[in-house]
Structures are given as structure tokens and as C-alpha cells.
């Protein structure tokens, strides 16, 4: 049986994670769950440890502080590859990504897609409870990414995705430097440049009901400049980012 891992980075998500883990179990039975916690002051990691006593397929990586979304995922990816997981998910803890959509992304990968993307924009604008300004910024960012890089994805910053392991084996994870939303762009870009099959699966994205957003001006600025860096590296340093020849 092929192994499945759902990775969720957390910072102050105690209330959400207590509901999210059983929701994943409901919609994707048999999947393992990895929480990567950046030393949450609200005790998120402590709660996960309590849940682990009754759940042998729940795992935890504790980190010393807020080290960034990208590094959290890369730590989990390395862990997953060492343990022979075939399908590795990224998703948020706050229910903006609906656990009911997990089987749809998995099905896409099982049917030949290498990177399935839960997309807010592939069939229009499927976002609930976001202010109009934030929608414009998000959509504008994806347009900017497509113009600069040529990446054929409508929702370039989407953080709800499923990878087949061969994608993560091929990308040089040690070269991925973006820590915020730029990480999502960078991973999709290098998967595409290496010839992997990307498919956007339409989802409805709902803004969080519990807790506070982690978005900041610094994260936005990093994503803006990382696009320039990605384009530069795709021209001059491509071999440094791919372990194997482009397919």
C-alpha cells in the first residue's frame, strides 16, 4: 500500500489543530499526519504530543522558533522521503483548505498528475470571506508570476497541494531559499521546469475562523523579489536546482 503524508506547519494553531487532525482522518483514512511546529506559545506542540499517545500515525517536528513556512515544509519533505512516502500533501491548519478536498488531489496524482494544486482561481474566483483588496493582491501576484516566469498555473501561491515523491526527489531542496509564499511559487516553478505534470483542481478557499493570519509585508516582499531570483536562476543556474535531467 502506498504511503500518504499530510504535512501541516503550525504557529499558534492549538484550537484549529485539535479539529483538523480528526477531519483529515475522516476524509483520508490511512493517511499519516506530520505537524511542524515553530515553538508556538499557545502550546500547539504540547497538544500534538497528547494526541500522539492515542494516534501512532501522527508525527511532530518541533523547531526552536519561527523559521518560516518554506523551511518547515522542506524539513517534512526530507523526513517523508527517508520513510518512503509516495504522496506528500501541504495544507494549512486553519480550515481555509477543506479536508474534504484531500481525496480529489490524491486522485489526480494517482491518475497521472505529478503535482496536484488546490486552486482558488482556475475556474474563476473561489474565495470566501476575504476582503476585495486581498483578493486583488493574491490574483495580481499570480499574474505577475506568470508574466515573469511563464509558469502555466493560475494560482501560483496556492499552499494546498499533493506531490508525488519523484517530484521532491528531483528538485534540489537545499537550493530552495524562499521562506514564505515565495516557497510555493518556487516549488511549482521547478517542478514545471523539470517536465512534471501539474494540474489545478478547483477548490473553495475560506478565510480562517479561528486564530490570526500569518501574512505580513515582509512575506509579500520576499515573494515579489523571489520571482526575479527564480527567473534569473532558470536562465543561468538551472542545473543547480534539478538533480536529474529535465524530462
C-alpha atoms as a PDB file:
ATOM      1  CA  UNK A   1       0.000   0.000   0.000  1.00  0.00           C
ATOM      2  CA  UNK A   2       1.352   3.422  -0.994  1.00  0.00           C
ATOM      3  CA  UNK A   3       2.083   5.676   1.962  1.00  0.00           C
ATOM      4  CA  UNK A   4       0.469   9.113   2.250  1.00  0.00           C
ATOM      5  CA  UNK A   5       1.618  12.004   4.432  1.00  0.00           C
ATOM      6  CA  UNK A   6      -0.252  15.254   5.128  1.00  0.00           C
ATOM      7  CA  UNK A   7       2.125  17.999   6.298  1.00  0.00           C
ATOM      8  CA  UNK A   8       0.799  20.955   8.317  1.00  0.00           C
ATOM      9  CA  UNK A   9       3.087  23.758   9.555  1.00  0.00           C
ATOM     10  CA  UNK A  10       1.805  25.444  12.725  1.00  0.00           C
ATOM     11  CA  UNK A  11       2.331  28.534  14.800  1.00  0.00           C
ATOM     12  CA  UNK A  12      -0.332  29.182  17.441  1.00  0.00           C
ATOM     13  CA  UNK A  13      -2.851  26.780  15.919  1.00  0.00           C
ATOM     14  CA  UNK A  14      -3.840  24.785  19.027  1.00  0.00           C
ATOM     15  CA  UNK A  15      -7.588  25.267  18.564  1.00  0.00           C
ATOM     16  CA  UNK A  16      -7.521  24.513  14.858  1.00  0.00           C
ATOM     17  CA  UNK A  17      -5.217  21.502  15.010  1.00  0.00           C
ATOM     18  CA  UNK A  18      -7.458  19.780  17.558  1.00  0.00           C
ATOM     19  CA  UNK A  19     -10.221  19.806  14.927  1.00  0.00           C
ATOM     20  CA  UNK A  20      -8.090  19.389  11.822  1.00  0.00           C
ATOM     21  CA  UNK A  21      -6.485  16.050  12.648  1.00  0.00           C
ATOM     22  CA  UNK A  22      -9.785  14.140  13.057  1.00  0.00           C
ATOM     23  CA  UNK A  23     -11.130  15.881   9.928  1.00  0.00           C
ATOM     24  CA  UNK A  24      -8.172  14.531   7.934  1.00  0.00           C
ATOM     25  CA  UNK A  25      -8.806  11.072   9.371  1.00  0.00           C
ATOM     26  CA  UNK A  26     -12.433  11.312   8.258  1.00  0.00           C
ATOM     27  CA  UNK A  27     -11.713  12.233   4.653  1.00  0.00           C
ATOM     28  CA  UNK A  28      -8.398  10.452   4.057  1.00  0.00           C
ATOM     29  CA  UNK A  29      -8.360   7.299   6.199  1.00  0.00           C
ATOM     30  CA  UNK A  30      -4.970   5.668   6.437  1.00  0.00           C
ATOM     31  CA  UNK A  31      -3.007   8.858   5.809  1.00  0.00           C
ATOM     32  CA  UNK A  32      -0.287   9.861   8.235  1.00  0.00           C
ATOM     33  CA  UNK A  33      -0.121  13.428   9.540  1.00  0.00           C
ATOM     34  CA  UNK A  34       3.010  15.469  10.228  1.00  0.00           C
ATOM     35  CA  UNK A  35       2.805  18.676  12.277  1.00  0.00           C
ATOM     36  CA  UNK A  36       5.806  21.010  12.017  1.00  0.00           C
ATOM     37  CA  UNK A  37       5.528  23.450  14.887  1.00  0.00           C
ATOM     38  CA  UNK A  38       7.630  26.595  15.226  1.00  0.00           C
ATOM     39  CA  UNK A  39       7.643  26.774  19.043  1.00  0.00           C
ATOM     40  CA  UNK A  40       4.046  28.015  19.337  1.00  0.00           C
ATOM     41  CA  UNK A  41       3.468  29.943  22.594  1.00  0.00           C
ATOM     42  CA  UNK A  42      -0.105  28.622  22.738  1.00  0.00           C
ATOM     43  CA  UNK A  43       1.060  25.039  23.297  1.00  0.00           C
ATOM     44  CA  UNK A  44       0.251  23.576  19.884  1.00  0.00           C
ATOM     45  CA  UNK A  45       3.135  21.105  20.120  1.00  0.00           C
ATOM     46  CA  UNK A  46       2.084  20.022  23.604  1.00  0.00           C
ATOM     47  CA  UNK A  47      -1.398  19.222  22.360  1.00  0.00           C
ATOM     48  CA  UNK A  48       0.015  17.206  19.451  1.00  0.00           C
ATOM     49  CA  UNK A  49       2.122  15.191  21.900  1.00  0.00           C
ATOM     50  CA  UNK A  50      -1.002  14.363  23.878  1.00  0.00           C
ATOM     51  CA  UNK A  51      -2.806  13.269  20.725  1.00  0.00           C
ATOM     52  CA  UNK A  52       0.158  11.124  19.704  1.00  0.00           C
ATOM     53  CA  UNK A  53      -0.441   8.883  22.714  1.00  0.00           C
ATOM     54  CA  UNK A  54      -3.590   7.577  21.006  1.00  0.00           C
ATOM     55  CA  UNK A  55      -2.517   8.060  17.390  1.00  0.00           C
ATOM     56  CA  UNK A  56       0.590   6.217  16.129  1.00  0.00           C
ATOM     57  CA  UNK A  57       0.271   7.777  12.664  1.00  0.00           C
ATOM     58  CA  UNK A  58       0.575  11.354  13.983  1.00  0.00           C
ATOM     59  CA  UNK A  59       4.084  12.828  13.910  1.00  0.00           C
ATOM     60  CA  UNK A  60       5.662  16.046  15.156  1.00  0.00           C
ATOM     61  CA  UNK A  61       8.729  18.083  14.291  1.00  0.00           C
ATOM     62  CA  UNK A  62       9.378  20.778  16.912  1.00  0.00           C
ATOM     63  CA  UNK A  63      11.545  23.730  15.947  1.00  0.00           C
ATOM     64  CA  UNK A  64      13.171  26.392  18.079  1.00  0.00           C
ATOM     65  CA  UNK A  65      11.322  29.415  16.697  1.00  0.00           C
ATOM     66  CA  UNK A  66       9.590  30.954  13.682  1.00  0.00           C
ATOM     67  CA  UNK A  67      11.871  29.722  10.924  1.00  0.00           C
ATOM     68  CA  UNK A  68       9.476  30.152   8.023  1.00  0.00           C
ATOM     69  CA  UNK A  69       6.931  28.181   6.035  1.00  0.00           C
ATOM     70  CA  UNK A  70       9.394  27.015   3.403  1.00  0.00           C
ATOM     71  CA  UNK A  71      11.906  25.539   5.817  1.00  0.00           C
ATOM     72  CA  UNK A  72       9.083  23.801   7.702  1.00  0.00           C
ATOM     73  CA  UNK A  73       7.939  22.038   4.554  1.00  0.00           C
ATOM     74  CA  UNK A  74      11.455  21.132   3.470  1.00  0.00           C
ATOM     75  CA  UNK A  75      12.147  19.529   6.871  1.00  0.00           C
ATOM     76  CA  UNK A  76       8.977  17.470   6.479  1.00  0.00           C
ATOM     77  CA  UNK A  77       9.765  16.586   2.855  1.00  0.00           C
ATOM     78  CA  UNK A  78      13.168  15.214   3.831  1.00  0.00           C
ATOM     79  CA  UNK A  79      11.553  13.218   6.643  1.00  0.00           C
ATOM     80  CA  UNK A  80       8.940  11.823   4.232  1.00  0.00           C
ATOM     81  CA  UNK A  81      11.450  10.845   1.545  1.00  0.00           C
ATOM     82  CA  UNK A  82      13.565   8.977   4.092  1.00  0.00           C
ATOM     83  CA  UNK A  83      10.478   6.932   5.038  1.00  0.00           C
ATOM     84  CA  UNK A  84       9.244   6.057   1.556  1.00  0.00           C
ATOM     85  CA  UNK A  85       6.045   8.098   1.379  1.00  0.00           C
ATOM     86  CA  UNK A  86       4.641   8.150  -2.147  1.00  0.00           C
ATOM     87  CA  UNK A  87       2.207  11.085  -1.818  1.00  0.00           C
ATOM     88  CA  UNK A  88       3.014  14.162   0.272  1.00  0.00           C
ATOM     89  CA  UNK A  89       0.454  16.905   0.900  1.00  0.00           C
ATOM     90  CA  UNK A  90       0.839  20.500   2.002  1.00  0.00           C
ATOM     91  CA  UNK A  91      -2.105  22.166   3.723  1.00  0.00           C
ATOM     92  CA  UNK A  92      -2.894  24.881   6.270  1.00  0.00           C
ATOM     93  CA  UNK A  93      -4.119  24.192   9.787  1.00  0.00           C
ATOM     94  CA  UNK A  94      -6.866  26.823   9.809  1.00  0.00           C
ATOM     95  CA  UNK A  95      -9.507  25.115   7.596  1.00  0.00           C
ATOM     96  CA  UNK A  96      -9.021  27.578   4.752  1.00  0.00           C
ATOM     97  CA  UNK A  97      -8.171  24.340   2.942  1.00  0.00           C
ATOM     98  CA  UNK A  98     -11.094  21.947   3.259  1.00  0.00           C
ATOM     99  CA  UNK A  99     -10.009  18.422   4.308  1.00  0.00           C
ATOM    100  CA  UNK A 100     -12.874  17.105   2.175  1.00  0.00           C
ATOM    101  CA  UNK A 101     -10.818  18.108  -0.897  1.00  0.00           C
ATOM    102  CA  UNK A 102      -7.865  15.878   0.043  1.00  0.00           C
ATOM    103  CA  UNK A 103      -9.203  12.822  -1.859  1.00  0.00           C
ATOM    104  CA  UNK A 104      -9.624  14.885  -5.032  1.00  0.00           C
ATOM    105  CA  UNK A 105      -5.980  15.964  -5.035  1.00  0.00           C
ATOM    106  CA  UNK A 106      -4.851  12.438  -4.247  1.00  0.00           C
ATOM    107  CA  UNK A 107      -6.968  11.011  -7.064  1.00  0.00           C
ATOM    108  CA  UNK A 108      -5.380  13.420  -9.538  1.00  0.00           C
ATOM    109  CA  UNK A 109      -1.900  12.228  -8.567  1.00  0.00           C
ATOM    110  CA  UNK A 110      -2.927   8.583  -8.644  1.00  0.00           C
ATOM    111  CA  UNK A 111      -4.210   9.144 -12.177  1.00  0.00           C
ATOM    112  CA  UNK A 112      -1.017  10.554 -13.634  1.00  0.00           C
ATOM    113  CA  UNK A 113      -0.565  14.071 -12.264  1.00  0.00           C
ATOM    114  CA  UNK A 114       2.770  14.714 -10.548  1.00  0.00           C
ATOM    115  CA  UNK A 115       1.751  17.860  -8.653  1.00  0.00           C
ATOM    116  CA  UNK A 116      -1.930  18.474  -7.923  1.00  0.00           C
ATOM    117  CA  UNK A 117      -2.742  22.052  -6.893  1.00  0.00           C
ATOM    118  CA  UNK A 118      -5.856  23.040  -4.952  1.00  0.00           C
ATOM    119  CA  UNK A 119      -6.601  26.173  -6.959  1.00  0.00           C
ATOM    120  CA  UNK A 120      -8.651  29.207  -5.963  1.00  0.00           C
ATOM    121  CA  UNK A 121      -8.582  30.746  -9.436  1.00  0.00           C
ATOM    122  CA  UNK A 122      -8.638  28.039 -12.101  1.00  0.00           C
ATOM    123  CA  UNK A 123     -12.432  28.351 -12.542  1.00  0.00           C
ATOM    124  CA  UNK A 124     -12.867  31.989 -11.530  1.00  0.00           C
ATOM    125  CA  UNK A 125     -12.513  33.389  -8.008  1.00  0.00           C
ATOM    126  CA  UNK A 126     -13.430  30.801  -5.386  1.00  0.00           C
ATOM    127  CA  UNK A 127     -12.559  32.684  -2.203  1.00  0.00           C
ATOM    128  CA  UNK A 128     -14.910  33.235   0.743  1.00  0.00           C
ATOM    129  CA  UNK A 129     -14.644  35.942   3.435  1.00  0.00           C
ATOM    130  CA  UNK A 130     -11.594  37.720   2.038  1.00  0.00           C
ATOM    131  CA  UNK A 131     -11.722  41.484   1.564  1.00  0.00           C
ATOM    132  CA  UNK A 132     -11.708  42.539  -2.070  1.00  0.00           C
ATOM    133  CA  UNK A 133      -8.288  44.151  -1.724  1.00  0.00           C
ATOM    134  CA  UNK A 134      -6.686  40.919  -0.574  1.00  0.00           C
ATOM    135  CA  UNK A 135      -8.246  39.021  -3.489  1.00  0.00           C
ATOM    136  CA  UNK A 136      -6.806  41.586  -5.933  1.00  0.00           C
ATOM    137  CA  UNK A 137      -3.358  41.285  -4.339  1.00  0.00           C
ATOM    138  CA  UNK A 138      -3.456  37.486  -4.485  1.00  0.00           C
ATOM    139  CA  UNK A 139      -4.677  37.335  -8.085  1.00  0.00           C
ATOM    140  CA  UNK A 140      -2.273  40.103  -9.102  1.00  0.00           C
ATOM    141  CA  UNK A 141       0.618  38.167  -7.586  1.00  0.00           C
ATOM    142  CA  UNK A 142      -0.234  35.117  -9.686  1.00  0.00           C
ATOM    143  CA  UNK A 143      -0.460  37.229 -12.836  1.00  0.00           C
ATOM    144  CA  UNK A 144       2.922  38.775 -12.013  1.00  0.00           C
ATOM    145  CA  UNK A 145       4.454  35.317 -11.516  1.00  0.00           C
ATOM    146  CA  UNK A 146       3.103  34.054 -14.833  1.00  0.00           C
ATOM    147  CA  UNK A 147       4.364  37.106 -16.699  1.00  0.00           C
ATOM    148  CA  UNK A 148       7.887  36.884 -15.275  1.00  0.00           C
ATOM    149  CA  UNK A 149       8.379  33.120 -15.216  1.00  0.00           C
ATOM    150  CA  UNK A 150       5.919  31.680 -17.741  1.00  0.00           C
ATOM    151  CA  UNK A 151       4.636  29.232 -15.124  1.00  0.00           C
ATOM    152  CA  UNK A 152       1.297  27.964 -16.542  1.00  0.00           C
ATOM    153  CA  UNK A 153      -0.602  27.975 -13.233  1.00  0.00           C
ATOM    154  CA  UNK A 154      -3.498  30.257 -12.295  1.00  0.00           C
ATOM    155  CA  UNK A 155      -2.931  30.021  -8.528  1.00  0.00           C
ATOM    156  CA  UNK A 156       0.838  30.203  -8.194  1.00  0.00           C
ATOM    157  CA  UNK A 157       0.876  30.864  -4.432  1.00  0.00           C
ATOM    158  CA  UNK A 158      -1.535  28.036  -3.575  1.00  0.00           C
ATOM    159  CA  UNK A 159      -0.494  26.167  -0.439  1.00  0.00           C
ATOM    160  CA  UNK A 160      -2.846  23.187  -0.772  1.00  0.00           C
ATOM    161  CA  UNK A 161      -1.021  20.672  -2.936  1.00  0.00           C
ATOM    162  CA  UNK A 162      -0.174  16.993  -3.356  1.00  0.00           C
ATOM    163  CA  UNK A 163       3.236  15.882  -4.627  1.00  0.00           C
ATOM    164  CA  UNK A 164       4.270  12.529  -5.950  1.00  0.00           C
ATOM    165  CA  UNK A 165       7.547  11.667  -4.279  1.00  0.00           C
ATOM    166  CA  UNK A 166       9.501  11.709  -7.555  1.00  0.00           C
ATOM    167  CA  UNK A 167       8.947  15.478  -7.767  1.00  0.00           C
ATOM    168  CA  UNK A 168      10.536  16.068  -4.374  1.00  0.00           C
ATOM    169  CA  UNK A 169      13.344  13.634  -5.192  1.00  0.00           C
ATOM    170  CA  UNK A 170      14.204  15.590  -8.335  1.00  0.00           C
ATOM    171  CA  UNK A 171      14.130  19.175  -7.008  1.00  0.00           C
ATOM    172  CA  UNK A 172      17.243  20.248  -5.126  1.00  0.00           C
ATOM    173  CA  UNK A 173      15.549  21.110  -1.846  1.00  0.00           C
ATOM    174  CA  UNK A 174      18.752  22.568  -0.436  1.00  0.00           C
ATOM    175  CA  UNK A 175      18.596  25.278  -3.129  1.00  0.00           C
ATOM    176  CA  UNK A 176      15.058  26.419  -2.286  1.00  0.00           C
ATOM    177  CA  UNK A 177      15.591  29.572  -0.226  1.00  0.00           C
ATOM    178  CA  UNK A 178      12.161  31.226  -0.024  1.00  0.00           C
ATOM    179  CA  UNK A 179      10.584  31.032   3.419  1.00  0.00           C
ATOM    180  CA  UNK A 180       7.101  32.480   2.834  1.00  0.00           C
ATOM    181  CA  UNK A 181       4.727  32.372  -0.123  1.00  0.00           C
ATOM    182  CA  UNK A 182       7.682  32.578  -2.460  1.00  0.00           C
ATOM    183  CA  UNK A 183       8.343  28.972  -1.487  1.00  0.00           C
ATOM    184  CA  UNK A 184       5.070  27.887  -3.078  1.00  0.00           C
ATOM    185  CA  UNK A 185       5.986  29.667  -6.307  1.00  0.00           C
ATOM    186  CA  UNK A 186       9.496  28.276  -6.344  1.00  0.00           C
ATOM    187  CA  UNK A 187       8.424  24.648  -5.849  1.00  0.00           C
ATOM    188  CA  UNK A 188       5.789  24.797  -8.586  1.00  0.00           C
ATOM    189  CA  UNK A 189       8.204  26.500 -10.954  1.00  0.00           C
ATOM    190  CA  UNK A 190      10.977  23.917 -10.597  1.00  0.00           C
ATOM    191  CA  UNK A 191       8.518  21.037 -10.829  1.00  0.00           C
ATOM    192  CA  UNK A 192       7.272  22.504 -14.102  1.00  0.00           C
ATOM    193  CA  UNK A 193      10.769  23.234 -15.456  1.00  0.00           C
ATOM    194  CA  UNK A 194      11.727  19.625 -14.841  1.00  0.00           C
ATOM    195  CA  UNK A 195       8.862  18.461 -17.026  1.00  0.00           C
ATOM    196  CA  UNK A 196       6.498  17.193 -14.355  1.00  0.00           C
ATOM    197  CA  UNK A 197       2.752  17.268 -14.922  1.00  0.00           C
ATOM    198  CA  UNK A 198       0.944  19.970 -12.922  1.00  0.00           C
ATOM    199  CA  UNK A 199      -2.842  20.084 -12.642  1.00  0.00           C
ATOM    200  CA  UNK A 200      -5.047  22.625 -10.878  1.00  0.00           C
ATOM    201  CA  UNK A 201      -8.025  21.186  -9.023  1.00  0.00           C
ATOM    202  CA  UNK A 202     -10.706  23.808  -8.261  1.00  0.00           C
ATOM    203  CA  UNK A 203     -11.371  24.331  -4.547  1.00  0.00           C
ATOM    204  CA  UNK A 204     -13.304  26.839  -2.451  1.00  0.00           C
ATOM    205  CA  UNK A 205     -10.936  28.710  -0.149  1.00  0.00           C
ATOM    206  CA  UNK A 206     -12.443  30.044   3.097  1.00  0.00           C
ATOM    207  CA  UNK A 207     -10.671  32.516   5.324  1.00  0.00           C
ATOM    208  CA  UNK A 208      -9.825  31.269   8.792  1.00  0.00           C
ATOM    209  CA  UNK A 209     -12.432  31.481  11.552  1.00  0.00           C
ATOM    210  CA  UNK A 210     -10.077  30.887  14.492  1.00  0.00           C
ATOM    211  CA  UNK A 211      -6.660  32.465  15.079  1.00  0.00           C
ATOM    212  CA  UNK A 212      -4.836  35.188  13.204  1.00  0.00           C
ATOM    213  CA  UNK A 213      -3.345  35.330   9.722  1.00  0.00           C
ATOM    214  CA  UNK A 214       0.428  34.956   9.351  1.00  0.00           C
ATOM    215  CA  UNK A 215       0.537  37.270   6.296  1.00  0.00           C
ATOM    216  CA  UNK A 216       2.861  40.257   6.606  1.00  0.00           C
ATOM    217  CA  UNK A 217       4.510  42.873   4.432  1.00  0.00           C
ATOM    218  CA  UNK A 218       7.820  41.043   4.747  1.00  0.00           C
ATOM    219  CA  UNK A 219       6.311  37.849   3.372  1.00  0.00           C
ATOM    220  CA  UNK A 220       4.831  39.749   0.433  1.00  0.00           C
ATOM    221  CA  UNK A 221       8.130  41.489  -0.340  1.00  0.00           C
ATOM    222  CA  UNK A 222      10.039  38.218  -0.213  1.00  0.00           C
ATOM    223  CA  UNK A 223       7.608  36.651  -2.681  1.00  0.00           C
ATOM    224  CA  UNK A 224       7.912  39.670  -5.015  1.00  0.00           C
ATOM    225  CA  UNK A 225      11.702  39.536  -5.205  1.00  0.00           C
ATOM    226  CA  UNK A 226      11.901  35.758  -5.208  1.00  0.00           C
ATOM    227  CA  UNK A 227      10.146  35.726  -8.583  1.00  0.00           C
ATOM    228  CA  UNK A 228      13.016  37.746 -10.083  1.00  0.00           C
ATOM    229  CA  UNK A 229      15.516  35.378  -8.487  1.00  0.00           C
ATOM    230  CA  UNK A 230      13.646  32.319  -9.778  1.00  0.00           C
ATOM    231  CA  UNK A 231      13.645  33.677 -13.320  1.00  0.00           C
ATOM    232  CA  UNK A 232      17.356  34.518 -13.133  1.00  0.00           C
ATOM    233  CA  UNK A 233      18.229  31.058 -11.833  1.00  0.00           C
ATOM    234  CA  UNK A 234      16.119  29.388 -14.512  1.00  0.00           C
ATOM    235  CA  UNK A 235      18.338  31.046 -17.123  1.00  0.00           C
ATOM    236  CA  UNK A 236      21.777  30.853 -15.535  1.00  0.00           C
ATOM    237  CA  UNK A 237      21.695  28.248 -12.746  1.00  0.00           C
ATOM    238  CA  UNK A 238      19.108  25.657 -13.777  1.00  0.00           C
ATOM    239  CA  UNK A 239      21.342  22.636 -13.180  1.00  0.00           C
ATOM    240  CA  UNK A 240      21.841  23.642  -9.561  1.00  0.00           C
ATOM    241  CA  UNK A 241      18.128  23.190  -8.845  1.00  0.00           C
ATOM    242  CA  UNK A 242      17.483  19.857 -10.531  1.00  0.00           C
ATOM    243  CA  UNK A 243      19.013  16.549  -9.519  1.00  0.00           C
ATOM    244  CA  UNK A 244      18.207  14.894 -12.813  1.00  0.00           C
ATOM    245  CA  UNK A 245      17.867  15.961 -16.450  1.00  0.00           C
ATOM    246  CA  UNK A 246      14.718  17.832 -17.454  1.00  0.00           C
ATOM    247  CA  UNK A 247      12.021  15.456 -18.660  1.00  0.00           C
END
